[in-house]
Amino acid sequence: MKLADARQLRLRRKRMFPCAQPYAKNKPMKRIRHTASTLGKPLWLMAGGLSLALGIIGAVLPILPTTPLVILAAFCFAKSSPRLAAKLENHAFFGPIISDWRENGAIAPRYKIVAVGMMIFALLISITMGVKTIVLTIQFICLLGAATYILSRPSNPTPNPTGDTKDNN
């Protein structure tokens, strides 16, 4: 077989079976990458919307804690839509909650009182409704963990004479 014939045969094989060719060891294979921006943005947007909706409901009903849900919504919107994140951060009611949390990990004392009070109220409703003991126990453990976390966060920061913020507990 002549050299030209061998080349033509190799070219024909490449055209017919492109996947059967051995890949060169010095060339990396091309990978198809789906970034978080393509797949994750709609999921983060939906999670943020759901969290914000539950937070708004929690502002009215005593069953849901508003502060953690609004903080979660701000996190989700920051990953998906900077415009919605900025709108939420500039909101008159939710904005201070988010800025205190981002800057110092702080939750204002009035929000702590409201959150723990609502947890106690939800537990009392469950007790008066006659919920099974095992469900009450699980609810109590979950609410105790959430209350412990909320109460362990620092309160609003107070400015120092130097201009820095210092956490108050």
N, C-alpha and C. Protein backbone atom coordinates (compact mmCIF):
# COMPACT_ATOMS: atom_id res chain seq x y z
N MET A 1 0.84 -1.17 0.00
CA MET A 1 0.00 0.00 0.00
C MET A 1 0.89 1.24 0.00
N LYS A 2 0.54 2.17 -0.84
CA LYS A 2 1.31 3.40 -0.94
C LYS A 2 0.96 4.32 0.22
N LEU A 3 1.84 5.27 0.48
CA LEU A 3 1.67 6.24 1.56
C LEU A 3 0.43 7.09 1.33
N ALA A 4 0.16 7.51 0.13
CA ALA A 4 -1.00 8.34 -0.18
C ALA A 4 -2.29 7.55 0.07
N ASP A 5 -2.29 6.27 -0.28
CA ASP A 5 -3.45 5.44 -0.05
C ASP A 5 -3.72 5.26 1.44
N ALA A 6 -2.66 5.11 2.22
CA ALA A 6 -2.80 4.95 3.67
C ALA A 6 -3.39 6.21 4.30
N ARG A 7 -2.96 7.38 3.83
CA ARG A 7 -3.50 8.63 4.34
C ARG A 7 -4.98 8.76 4.02
N GLN A 8 -5.33 8.44 2.80
CA GLN A 8 -6.74 8.53 2.41
C GLN A 8 -7.59 7.57 3.24
N LEU A 9 -7.06 6.39 3.52
CA LEU A 9 -7.79 5.42 4.34
C LEU A 9 -7.99 5.96 5.75
N ARG A 10 -6.94 6.58 6.33
CA ARG A 10 -7.07 7.16 7.67
C ARG A 10 -8.08 8.30 7.69
N LEU A 11 -8.06 9.15 6.66
CA LEU A 11 -9.01 10.24 6.58
C LEU A 11 -10.44 9.72 6.46
N ARG A 12 -10.63 8.68 5.66
CA ARG A 12 -11.96 8.09 5.53
C ARG A 12 -12.45 7.53 6.87
N ARG A 13 -11.56 6.86 7.60
CA ARG A 13 -11.92 6.31 8.91
C ARG A 13 -12.30 7.44 9.88
N LYS A 14 -11.54 8.53 9.83
CA LYS A 14 -11.85 9.66 10.71
C LYS A 14 -13.23 10.23 10.43
N ARG A 15 -13.55 10.33 9.15
CA ARG A 15 -14.85 10.87 8.79
C ARG A 15 -15.97 9.92 9.17
N MET A 16 -15.75 8.63 9.01
CA MET A 16 -16.79 7.64 9.28
C MET A 16 -16.94 7.40 10.78
N PHE A 17 -15.84 7.34 11.52
CA PHE A 17 -15.87 7.03 12.95
C PHE A 17 -15.05 8.06 13.73
N PRO A 18 -15.57 9.26 13.89
CA PRO A 18 -14.76 10.30 14.56
C PRO A 18 -14.49 9.99 16.03
N CYS A 19 -15.37 9.24 16.69
CA CYS A 19 -15.17 8.95 18.12
C CYS A 19 -14.17 7.83 18.35
N ALA A 20 -13.89 7.04 17.30
CA ALA A 20 -13.01 5.89 17.47
C ALA A 20 -11.54 6.25 17.41
N GLN A 21 -11.24 7.51 17.13
CA GLN A 21 -9.85 7.93 17.02
C GLN A 21 -9.22 8.05 18.40
N PRO A 22 -8.00 7.57 18.54
CA PRO A 22 -7.33 7.74 19.84
C PRO A 22 -7.01 9.21 20.05
N TYR A 23 -7.23 9.67 21.29
CA TYR A 23 -6.97 11.08 21.55
C TYR A 23 -5.49 11.25 21.89
N ALA A 24 -5.01 12.41 21.54
CA ALA A 24 -3.60 12.70 21.80
C ALA A 24 -3.40 12.96 23.28
N LYS A 25 -2.35 12.40 23.84
CA LYS A 25 -2.11 12.55 25.28
C LYS A 25 -1.68 13.96 25.65
N ASN A 26 -1.12 14.67 24.72
CA ASN A 26 -0.67 16.02 25.05
C ASN A 26 -1.76 17.08 24.88
N LYS A 27 -2.91 16.71 24.34
CA LYS A 27 -4.00 17.66 24.17
C LYS A 27 -5.13 17.30 25.13
N PRO A 28 -5.55 18.25 25.95
CA PRO A 28 -6.66 17.94 26.86
C PRO A 28 -7.97 17.82 26.09
N MET A 29 -8.82 16.95 26.58
CA MET A 29 -10.12 16.78 25.95
C MET A 29 -10.99 17.99 26.28
N LYS A 30 -11.81 18.39 25.33
CA LYS A 30 -12.72 19.50 25.58
C LYS A 30 -13.88 18.98 26.40
N ARG A 31 -14.22 19.71 27.42
CA ARG A 31 -15.33 19.33 28.28
C ARG A 31 -16.45 20.34 28.15
N ILE A 32 -17.66 19.85 28.19
CA ILE A 32 -18.81 20.73 28.18
C ILE A 32 -19.10 21.07 29.63
N ARG A 33 -19.03 22.34 29.96
CA ARG A 33 -19.23 22.75 31.34
C ARG A 33 -20.51 23.57 31.44
N HIS A 34 -21.34 23.16 32.37
CA HIS A 34 -22.53 23.95 32.68
C HIS A 34 -22.20 24.72 33.94
N THR A 35 -22.09 26.00 33.82
CA THR A 35 -21.73 26.80 34.98
C THR A 35 -22.94 27.02 35.86
N ALA A 36 -22.67 27.47 37.06
CA ALA A 36 -23.75 27.75 38.00
C ALA A 36 -24.66 28.85 37.48
N SER A 37 -24.10 29.73 36.63
CA SER A 37 -24.92 30.82 36.13
C SER A 37 -26.00 30.32 35.17
N THR A 38 -25.72 29.25 34.44
CA THR A 38 -26.73 28.76 33.51
C THR A 38 -27.80 27.94 34.20
N LEU A 39 -27.38 27.03 35.04
CA LEU A 39 -28.34 26.16 35.69
C LEU A 39 -28.79 26.67 37.05
N GLY A 40 -27.90 27.33 37.76
CA GLY A 40 -28.19 27.69 39.14
C GLY A 40 -28.99 28.96 39.33
N LYS A 41 -28.87 29.90 38.42
CA LYS A 41 -29.56 31.18 38.63
C LYS A 41 -31.06 31.04 38.78
N PRO A 42 -31.73 30.28 37.91
CA PRO A 42 -33.18 30.13 38.12
C PRO A 42 -33.52 29.43 39.44
N LEU A 43 -32.69 28.47 39.84
CA LEU A 43 -32.95 27.78 41.12
C LEU A 43 -32.75 28.72 42.30
N TRP A 44 -31.67 29.52 42.25
CA TRP A 44 -31.44 30.49 43.33
C TRP A 44 -32.56 31.53 43.37
N LEU A 45 -33.04 31.93 42.18
CA LEU A 45 -34.12 32.91 42.11
C LEU A 45 -35.41 32.36 42.72
N MET A 46 -35.73 31.10 42.40
CA MET A 46 -36.93 30.48 42.95
C MET A 46 -36.80 30.30 44.47
N ALA A 47 -35.62 29.88 44.91
CA ALA A 47 -35.41 29.70 46.36
C ALA A 47 -35.52 31.04 47.09
N GLY A 48 -34.98 32.11 46.49
CA GLY A 48 -35.09 33.43 47.09
C GLY A 48 -36.52 33.93 47.14
N GLY A 49 -37.26 33.71 46.07
CA GLY A 49 -38.66 34.12 46.04
C GLY A 49 -39.50 33.38 47.06
N LEU A 50 -39.27 32.07 47.16
CA LEU A 50 -40.00 31.26 48.15
C LEU A 50 -39.65 31.69 49.57
N SER A 51 -38.36 31.91 49.81
CA SER A 51 -37.92 32.32 51.14
C SER A 51 -38.49 33.70 51.51
N LEU A 52 -38.49 34.62 50.56
CA LEU A 52 -39.04 35.95 50.83
C LEU A 52 -40.55 35.87 51.07
N ALA A 53 -41.25 35.06 50.28
CA ALA A 53 -42.69 34.91 50.48
C ALA A 53 -42.99 34.35 51.87
N LEU A 54 -42.23 33.34 52.28
CA LEU A 54 -42.43 32.77 53.62
C LEU A 54 -42.07 33.79 54.70
N GLY A 55 -41.03 34.61 54.44
CA GLY A 55 -40.66 35.64 55.39
C GLY A 55 -41.74 36.70 55.55
N ILE A 56 -42.37 37.07 54.45
CA ILE A 56 -43.47 38.05 54.50
C ILE A 56 -44.66 37.46 55.24
N ILE A 57 -44.96 36.19 54.97
CA ILE A 57 -46.04 35.52 55.70
C ILE A 57 -45.68 35.44 57.19
N GLY A 58 -44.40 35.20 57.48
CA GLY A 58 -43.95 35.13 58.86
C GLY A 58 -44.03 36.46 59.59
N ALA A 59 -44.01 37.56 58.85
CA ALA A 59 -44.16 38.88 59.49
C ALA A 59 -45.59 39.08 59.98
N VAL A 60 -46.53 38.37 59.35
CA VAL A 60 -47.93 38.51 59.73
C VAL A 60 -48.38 37.38 60.66
N LEU A 61 -47.98 36.16 60.33
CA LEU A 61 -48.39 34.99 61.13
C LEU A 61 -47.30 34.62 62.13
N PRO A 62 -47.67 34.14 63.28
CA PRO A 62 -46.67 33.81 64.30
C PRO A 62 -45.97 32.47 64.09
N ILE A 63 -46.25 31.79 63.00
CA ILE A 63 -45.72 30.44 62.83
C ILE A 63 -44.32 30.44 62.22
N LEU A 64 -44.03 31.38 61.33
CA LEU A 64 -42.76 31.40 60.60
C LEU A 64 -41.85 32.51 61.10
N PRO A 65 -40.56 32.23 61.24
CA PRO A 65 -39.61 33.28 61.65
C PRO A 65 -39.23 34.15 60.45
N THR A 66 -39.40 35.44 60.57
CA THR A 66 -39.15 36.36 59.46
C THR A 66 -37.66 36.56 59.19
N THR A 67 -36.89 36.83 60.23
CA THR A 67 -35.50 37.24 60.06
C THR A 67 -34.66 36.21 59.31
N PRO A 68 -34.63 34.93 59.73
CA PRO A 68 -33.79 33.97 58.98
C PRO A 68 -34.25 33.79 57.53
N LEU A 69 -35.54 33.87 57.29
CA LEU A 69 -36.03 33.69 55.93
C LEU A 69 -35.65 34.87 55.04
N VAL A 70 -35.68 36.07 55.58
CA VAL A 70 -35.30 37.25 54.80
C VAL A 70 -33.79 37.22 54.53
N ILE A 71 -33.00 36.81 55.50
CA ILE A 71 -31.56 36.69 55.30
C ILE A 71 -31.26 35.64 54.23
N LEU A 72 -31.98 34.53 54.27
CA LEU A 72 -31.82 33.49 53.25
C LEU A 72 -32.24 34.02 51.88
N ALA A 73 -33.31 34.79 51.80
CA ALA A 73 -33.75 35.37 50.53
C ALA A 73 -32.68 36.31 49.98
N ALA A 74 -32.07 37.12 50.84
CA ALA A 74 -31.02 38.03 50.39
C ALA A 74 -29.83 37.25 49.84
N PHE A 75 -29.47 36.16 50.49
CA PHE A 75 -28.38 35.30 50.02
C PHE A 75 -28.71 34.72 48.65
N CYS A 76 -29.92 34.19 48.50
CA CYS A 76 -30.33 33.58 47.23
C CYS A 76 -30.39 34.61 46.11
N PHE A 77 -30.93 35.79 46.40
CA PHE A 77 -31.01 36.83 45.38
C PHE A 77 -29.63 37.35 45.00
N ALA A 78 -28.70 37.38 45.94
CA ALA A 78 -27.33 37.80 45.62
C ALA A 78 -26.69 36.83 44.64
N LYS A 79 -27.06 35.56 44.70
CA LYS A 79 -26.53 34.56 43.76
C LYS A 79 -27.22 34.60 42.41
N SER A 80 -28.46 35.09 42.37
CA SER A 80 -29.22 34.98 41.12
C SER A 80 -29.49 36.33 40.45
N SER A 81 -29.88 37.33 41.21
CA SER A 81 -30.30 38.60 40.62
C SER A 81 -29.82 39.76 41.48
N PRO A 82 -28.74 40.42 41.08
CA PRO A 82 -28.26 41.57 41.85
C PRO A 82 -29.30 42.68 41.98
N ARG A 83 -30.16 42.82 40.98
CA ARG A 83 -31.20 43.86 41.03
C ARG A 83 -32.18 43.57 42.16
N LEU A 84 -32.64 42.32 42.29
CA LEU A 84 -33.55 41.98 43.37
C LEU A 84 -32.87 42.04 44.73
N ALA A 85 -31.59 41.66 44.76
CA ALA A 85 -30.84 41.73 46.02
C ALA A 85 -30.74 43.18 46.49
N ALA A 86 -30.43 44.09 45.56
CA ALA A 86 -30.33 45.51 45.92
C ALA A 86 -31.69 46.06 46.36
N LYS A 87 -32.75 45.63 45.68
CA LYS A 87 -34.09 46.09 46.05
C LYS A 87 -34.46 45.63 47.45
N LEU A 88 -34.10 44.39 47.78
CA LEU A 88 -34.39 43.86 49.12
C LEU A 88 -33.53 44.55 50.18
N GLU A 89 -32.26 44.80 49.85
CA GLU A 89 -31.38 45.47 50.81
C GLU A 89 -31.78 46.92 51.06
N ASN A 90 -32.43 47.56 50.11
CA ASN A 90 -32.86 48.95 50.27
C ASN A 90 -34.28 49.07 50.78
N HIS A 91 -34.92 47.95 51.08
CA HIS A 91 -36.29 47.97 51.59
C HIS A 91 -36.30 48.58 52.99
N ALA A 92 -37.35 49.32 53.32
CA ALA A 92 -37.42 50.02 54.60
C ALA A 92 -37.48 49.06 55.79
N PHE A 93 -38.20 47.95 55.64
CA PHE A 93 -38.37 47.03 56.77
C PHE A 93 -37.30 45.94 56.77
N PHE A 94 -37.03 45.35 55.61
CA PHE A 94 -36.11 44.22 55.54
C PHE A 94 -34.65 44.64 55.41
N GLY A 95 -34.39 45.83 54.90
CA GLY A 95 -33.02 46.30 54.67
C GLY A 95 -32.14 46.31 55.91
N PRO A 96 -32.63 46.90 57.04
CA PRO A 96 -31.79 46.91 58.24
C PRO A 96 -31.47 45.51 58.79
N ILE A 97 -32.41 44.59 58.65
CA ILE A 97 -32.17 43.21 59.11
C ILE A 97 -31.00 42.62 58.34
N ILE A 98 -31.02 42.81 57.02
CA ILE A 98 -29.99 42.23 56.17
C ILE A 98 -28.64 42.90 56.40
N SER A 99 -28.63 44.23 56.51
CA SER A 99 -27.35 44.93 56.69
C SER A 99 -26.72 44.60 58.04
N ASP A 100 -27.53 44.51 59.11
CA ASP A 100 -26.98 44.11 60.42
C ASP A 100 -26.37 42.72 60.35
N TRP A 101 -27.04 41.83 59.64
CA TRP A 101 -26.54 40.46 59.54
C TRP A 101 -25.25 40.40 58.72
N ARG A 102 -25.22 41.10 57.59
CA ARG A 102 -24.05 41.04 56.72
C ARG A 102 -22.82 41.68 57.35
N GLU A 103 -23.03 42.79 58.04
CA GLU A 103 -21.89 43.50 58.59
C GLU A 103 -21.35 42.85 59.86
N ASN A 104 -22.25 42.36 60.72
CA ASN A 104 -21.79 41.90 62.04
C ASN A 104 -22.36 40.56 62.47
N GLY A 105 -23.19 39.95 61.65
CA GLY A 105 -23.86 38.72 62.08
C GLY A 105 -24.82 39.00 63.22
N ALA A 106 -25.36 40.22 63.24
CA ALA A 106 -26.18 40.67 64.36
C ALA A 106 -27.67 40.58 64.04
N ILE A 107 -28.45 40.29 65.07
CA ILE A 107 -29.90 40.33 64.99
C ILE A 107 -30.37 41.28 66.08
N ALA A 108 -31.19 42.24 65.72
CA ALA A 108 -31.66 43.26 66.66
C ALA A 108 -32.44 42.59 67.80
N PRO A 109 -32.34 43.13 69.02
CA PRO A 109 -33.03 42.52 70.17
C PRO A 109 -34.54 42.39 69.97
N ARG A 110 -35.15 43.37 69.33
CA ARG A 110 -36.62 43.27 69.15
C ARG A 110 -36.98 42.11 68.23
N TYR A 111 -36.14 41.82 67.22
CA TYR A 111 -36.40 40.69 66.33
C TYR A 111 -36.14 39.37 67.06
N LYS A 112 -35.17 39.37 67.96
CA LYS A 112 -34.92 38.17 68.77
C LYS A 112 -36.13 37.86 69.64
N ILE A 113 -36.65 38.90 70.29
CA ILE A 113 -37.83 38.71 71.17
C ILE A 113 -39.03 38.22 70.36
N VAL A 114 -39.25 38.84 69.22
CA VAL A 114 -40.38 38.43 68.38
C VAL A 114 -40.21 37.00 67.90
N ALA A 115 -39.01 36.64 67.45
CA ALA A 115 -38.77 35.30 66.93
C ALA A 115 -38.98 34.23 68.00
N VAL A 116 -38.38 34.44 69.17
CA VAL A 116 -38.52 33.45 70.25
C VAL A 116 -39.97 33.42 70.76
N GLY A 117 -40.60 34.59 70.85
CA GLY A 117 -42.00 34.62 71.26
C GLY A 117 -42.92 33.86 70.30
N MET A 118 -42.67 34.01 69.01
CA MET A 118 -43.47 33.28 68.02
C MET A 118 -43.22 31.77 68.10
N MET A 119 -41.98 31.40 68.39
CA MET A 119 -41.68 29.96 68.54
C MET A 119 -42.44 29.38 69.73
N ILE A 120 -42.45 30.11 70.83
CA ILE A 120 -43.18 29.65 72.02
C ILE A 120 -44.67 29.59 71.71
N PHE A 121 -45.18 30.60 71.02
CA PHE A 121 -46.59 30.63 70.65
C PHE A 121 -46.96 29.44 69.76
N ALA A 122 -46.11 29.13 68.78
CA ALA A 122 -46.37 27.99 67.89
C ALA A 122 -46.36 26.68 68.67
N LEU A 123 -45.45 26.55 69.64
CA LEU A 123 -45.42 25.33 70.46
C LEU A 123 -46.67 25.23 71.33
N LEU A 124 -47.11 26.35 71.89
CA LEU A 124 -48.34 26.34 72.70
C LEU A 124 -49.57 25.99 71.87
N ILE A 125 -49.62 26.47 70.65
CA ILE A 125 -50.73 26.10 69.76
C ILE A 125 -50.73 24.59 69.52
N SER A 126 -49.56 24.03 69.31
CA SER A 126 -49.48 22.58 69.08
C SER A 126 -49.93 21.80 70.32
N ILE A 127 -49.56 22.30 71.50
CA ILE A 127 -49.96 21.62 72.73
C ILE A 127 -51.47 21.68 72.91
N THR A 128 -52.07 22.85 72.67
CA THR A 128 -53.52 22.99 72.85
C THR A 128 -54.31 22.21 71.79
N MET A 129 -53.71 21.96 70.64
CA MET A 129 -54.39 21.19 69.60
C MET A 129 -54.31 19.69 69.87
N GLY A 130 -53.53 19.29 70.84
CA GLY A 130 -53.43 17.88 71.19
C GLY A 130 -52.57 17.07 70.24
N VAL A 131 -51.52 17.66 69.75
CA VAL A 131 -50.61 16.97 68.84
C VAL A 131 -49.90 15.85 69.61
N LYS A 132 -49.56 14.77 68.91
CA LYS A 132 -48.90 13.62 69.54
C LYS A 132 -47.61 14.04 70.23
N THR A 133 -47.27 13.30 71.26
CA THR A 133 -46.09 13.62 72.07
C THR A 133 -44.80 13.57 71.26
N ILE A 134 -44.68 12.60 70.36
CA ILE A 134 -43.45 12.49 69.57
C ILE A 134 -43.29 13.71 68.66
N VAL A 135 -44.40 14.20 68.10
CA VAL A 135 -44.35 15.39 67.24
C VAL A 135 -43.99 16.62 68.08
N LEU A 136 -44.57 16.70 69.27
CA LEU A 136 -44.25 17.82 70.17
C LEU A 136 -42.77 17.80 70.56
N THR A 137 -42.25 16.61 70.81
CA THR A 137 -40.84 16.49 71.19
C THR A 137 -39.94 16.95 70.05
N ILE A 138 -40.24 16.51 68.83
CA ILE A 138 -39.44 16.92 67.67
C ILE A 138 -39.55 18.43 67.46
N GLN A 139 -40.76 18.95 67.57
CA GLN A 139 -40.97 20.39 67.41
C GLN A 139 -40.20 21.17 68.48
N PHE A 140 -40.25 20.68 69.71
CA PHE A 140 -39.55 21.35 70.80
C PHE A 140 -38.04 21.37 70.55
N ILE A 141 -37.49 20.24 70.12
CA ILE A 141 -36.04 20.17 69.87
C ILE A 141 -35.64 21.13 68.75
N CYS A 142 -36.43 21.15 67.67
CA CYS A 142 -36.12 22.06 66.55
C CYS A 142 -36.23 23.53 66.97
N LEU A 143 -37.29 23.85 67.69
CA LEU A 143 -37.47 25.24 68.13
C LEU A 143 -36.41 25.65 69.15
N LEU A 144 -36.01 24.71 69.99
CA LEU A 144 -34.96 25.01 70.96
C LEU A 144 -33.64 25.30 70.25
N GLY A 145 -33.33 24.51 69.23
CA GLY A 145 -32.11 24.75 68.46
C GLY A 145 -32.15 26.10 67.74
N ALA A 146 -33.29 26.41 67.13
CA ALA A 146 -33.42 27.69 66.43
C ALA A 146 -33.34 28.87 67.40
N ALA A 147 -34.00 28.74 68.55
CA ALA A 147 -33.98 29.81 69.55
C ALA A 147 -32.57 30.00 70.11
N THR A 148 -31.87 28.91 70.34
CA THR A 148 -30.49 28.99 70.84
C THR A 148 -29.61 29.72 69.83
N TYR A 149 -29.77 29.39 68.56
CA TYR A 149 -28.97 30.04 67.53
C TYR A 149 -29.29 31.53 67.47
N ILE A 150 -30.55 31.87 67.47
CA ILE A 150 -30.95 33.29 67.37
C ILE A 150 -30.47 34.08 68.57
N LEU A 151 -30.63 33.51 69.76
CA LEU A 151 -30.21 34.22 70.97
C LEU A 151 -28.69 34.31 71.11
N SER A 152 -27.96 33.40 70.47
CA SER A 152 -26.50 33.44 70.58
C SER A 152 -25.87 34.45 69.62
N ARG A 153 -26.63 34.97 68.66
CA ARG A 153 -26.12 35.99 67.74
C ARG A 153 -25.98 37.31 68.47
N PRO A 154 -25.00 38.12 68.10
CA PRO A 154 -24.87 39.43 68.73
C PRO A 154 -26.05 40.33 68.40
N SER A 155 -26.30 41.29 69.28
CA SER A 155 -27.36 42.27 69.03
C SER A 155 -26.81 43.38 68.15
N ASN A 156 -27.56 44.45 68.00
CA ASN A 156 -27.12 45.55 67.15
C ASN A 156 -25.75 46.05 67.57
N PRO A 157 -24.88 46.34 66.61
CA PRO A 157 -23.57 46.89 66.95
C PRO A 157 -23.69 48.35 67.37
N THR A 158 -22.81 48.78 68.27
CA THR A 158 -22.77 50.18 68.67
C THR A 158 -21.46 50.79 68.19
N PRO A 159 -21.50 52.02 67.68
CA PRO A 159 -20.27 52.62 67.16
C PRO A 159 -19.31 53.00 68.28
N ASN A 160 -18.03 52.75 68.03
CA ASN A 160 -16.97 53.18 68.96
C ASN A 160 -16.56 54.61 68.60
N PRO A 161 -15.81 55.28 69.49
CA PRO A 161 -15.31 56.61 69.14
C PRO A 161 -14.41 56.59 67.91
N THR A 162 -13.78 55.44 67.61
CA THR A 162 -12.89 55.34 66.45
C THR A 162 -13.67 55.17 65.16
N GLY A 163 -14.98 54.90 65.26
CA GLY A 163 -15.80 54.72 64.07
C GLY A 163 -16.05 53.26 63.74
N ASP A 164 -15.32 52.36 64.43
CA ASP A 164 -15.55 50.94 64.21
C ASP A 164 -16.82 50.54 64.92
N THR A 165 -17.33 49.35 64.59
CA THR A 165 -18.51 48.85 65.29
C THR A 165 -18.11 47.74 66.24
N LYS A 166 -18.74 47.74 67.37
CA LYS A 166 -18.48 46.72 68.38
C LYS A 166 -19.80 46.04 68.66
N ASP A 167 -19.78 44.73 68.71
CA ASP A 167 -21.00 43.97 68.94
C ASP A 167 -21.42 44.04 70.39
N ASN A 168 -22.70 44.25 70.60
CA ASN A 168 -23.29 44.18 71.93
C ASN A 168 -24.06 42.88 72.04
N ASN A 169 -23.93 42.19 73.13
CA ASN A 169 -24.71 40.97 73.34
C ASN A 169 -25.79 41.22 74.32
